[in-house]
Amino acid sequence: MSEQLILVPTHFELQQLSLDHGRMANAAVEVCGVGAVVAGVRTARLLTQHQPGGVLLLGIAGAIDPALQVGSAYEFDSVACYGVGVSIPK
């Protein structure tokens, strides 16, 4: 079975989700950064490095809408990117 890749935008979110950077059972956990370009480039590198069987992008999304609750899962039909800053993983 192929390794899975779990991506989290920031180290803060990684801590809030109680995940360890590095490895979990059958999964690599990596910080991908924030912003379309930074996250896209970092994710492309991580996909090449890990060649995962699947990818999960996890985050807390707490500032998007007060109706979204931390600790819940949501699926979105579309995504908008406006005013998103840049954060480069350490």
Protein backbone atom coordinates (compact mmCIF):
# COMPACT_ATOMS: atom_id res chain seq x y z
CA MET A 1 0.00 0.00 0.00
CA SER A 2 1.34 3.45 -0.92
CA GLU A 3 2.23 5.95 1.72
CA GLN A 4 -0.26 8.77 2.24
CA LEU A 5 0.75 12.43 2.44
CA ILE A 6 -0.86 14.73 5.00
CA LEU A 7 -0.30 18.43 4.28
CA VAL A 8 -0.92 21.21 6.79
CA PRO A 9 -0.49 24.88 5.81
CA THR A 10 1.24 26.15 8.98
CA HIS A 11 3.15 24.90 12.01
CA PHE A 12 0.48 26.53 14.20
CA GLU A 13 -2.23 24.40 12.55
CA LEU A 14 -0.01 21.34 12.89
CA GLN A 15 0.13 21.94 16.65
CA GLN A 16 -3.63 22.61 16.92
CA LEU A 17 -4.37 19.37 15.08
CA SER A 18 -2.03 17.50 17.43
CA LEU A 19 0.02 16.10 14.55
CA ASP A 20 3.77 15.54 14.56
CA HIS A 21 5.83 16.86 11.68
CA GLY A 22 7.48 13.88 10.04
CA ARG A 23 5.87 10.45 10.05
CA MET A 24 2.71 8.77 11.23
CA ALA A 25 1.62 5.20 10.54
CA ASN A 26 1.70 4.83 6.75
CA ALA A 27 1.73 8.61 6.24
CA ALA A 28 4.16 11.47 5.87
CA VAL A 29 3.12 14.72 7.59
CA GLU A 30 4.47 17.92 6.04
CA VAL A 31 3.88 21.68 6.28
CA CYS A 32 3.03 23.02 2.81
CA GLY A 33 2.85 26.77 3.45
CA VAL A 34 0.18 29.39 2.72
CA GLY A 35 -0.60 31.13 -0.55
CA ALA A 36 -1.24 29.64 -3.98
CA VAL A 37 2.33 29.89 -5.26
CA VAL A 38 4.25 28.87 -2.12
CA ALA A 39 1.87 26.03 -1.26
CA GLY A 40 1.74 24.89 -4.88
CA VAL A 41 5.51 24.74 -5.32
CA ARG A 42 6.05 23.09 -1.93
CA THR A 43 3.30 20.56 -2.60
CA ALA A 44 4.77 19.70 -6.02
CA ARG A 45 8.14 19.03 -4.37
CA LEU A 46 6.54 16.90 -1.66
CA LEU A 47 4.55 14.89 -4.23
CA THR A 48 7.78 14.15 -6.10
CA GLN A 49 9.62 13.27 -2.88
CA HIS A 50 6.96 11.03 -1.33
CA GLN A 51 5.01 9.81 -4.40
CA PRO A 52 1.96 9.21 -2.18
CA GLY A 53 -1.06 7.04 -2.90
CA GLY A 54 -3.28 9.84 -1.60
CA VAL A 55 -3.08 13.36 -0.19
CA LEU A 56 -5.04 15.06 2.60
CA LEU A 57 -4.88 18.81 3.17
CA LEU A 58 -5.75 19.54 6.81
CA GLY A 59 -6.14 22.91 8.47
CA ILE A 60 -8.28 24.67 11.02
CA ALA A 61 -9.90 27.23 8.65
CA GLY A 62 -11.09 29.08 11.75
CA ALA A 63 -11.10 32.56 10.23
CA ILE A 64 -13.03 31.75 7.05
CA ASP A 65 -16.57 31.71 8.44
CA PRO A 66 -17.90 31.69 12.00
CA ALA A 67 -20.16 28.76 11.01
CA LEU A 68 -17.09 26.54 10.53
CA GLN A 69 -16.10 24.72 13.69
CA VAL A 70 -12.60 23.64 14.59
CA GLY A 71 -12.50 19.84 14.79
CA SER A 72 -15.10 19.33 12.05
CA ALA A 73 -14.59 18.22 8.45
CA TYR A 74 -15.96 20.17 5.48
CA GLU A 75 -16.04 19.61 1.72
CA PHE A 76 -16.22 22.63 -0.59
CA ASP A 77 -17.49 22.86 -4.19
CA SER A 78 -15.13 25.71 -5.04
CA VAL A 79 -12.22 27.66 -3.64
CA ALA A 80 -11.43 31.37 -3.79
CA CYS A 81 -8.07 32.91 -3.10
CA TYR A 82 -8.19 36.60 -2.28
CA GLY A 83 -5.92 38.45 0.08
CA VAL A 84 -4.13 35.28 1.19
CA GLY A 85 -0.66 36.02 2.44
CA VAL A 86 2.48 34.01 2.00
CA SER A 87 3.96 31.75 4.63
CA ILE A 88 7.03 29.67 3.88
CA PRO A 89 7.51 26.47 5.90
CA LYS A 90 10.56 26.44 8.17
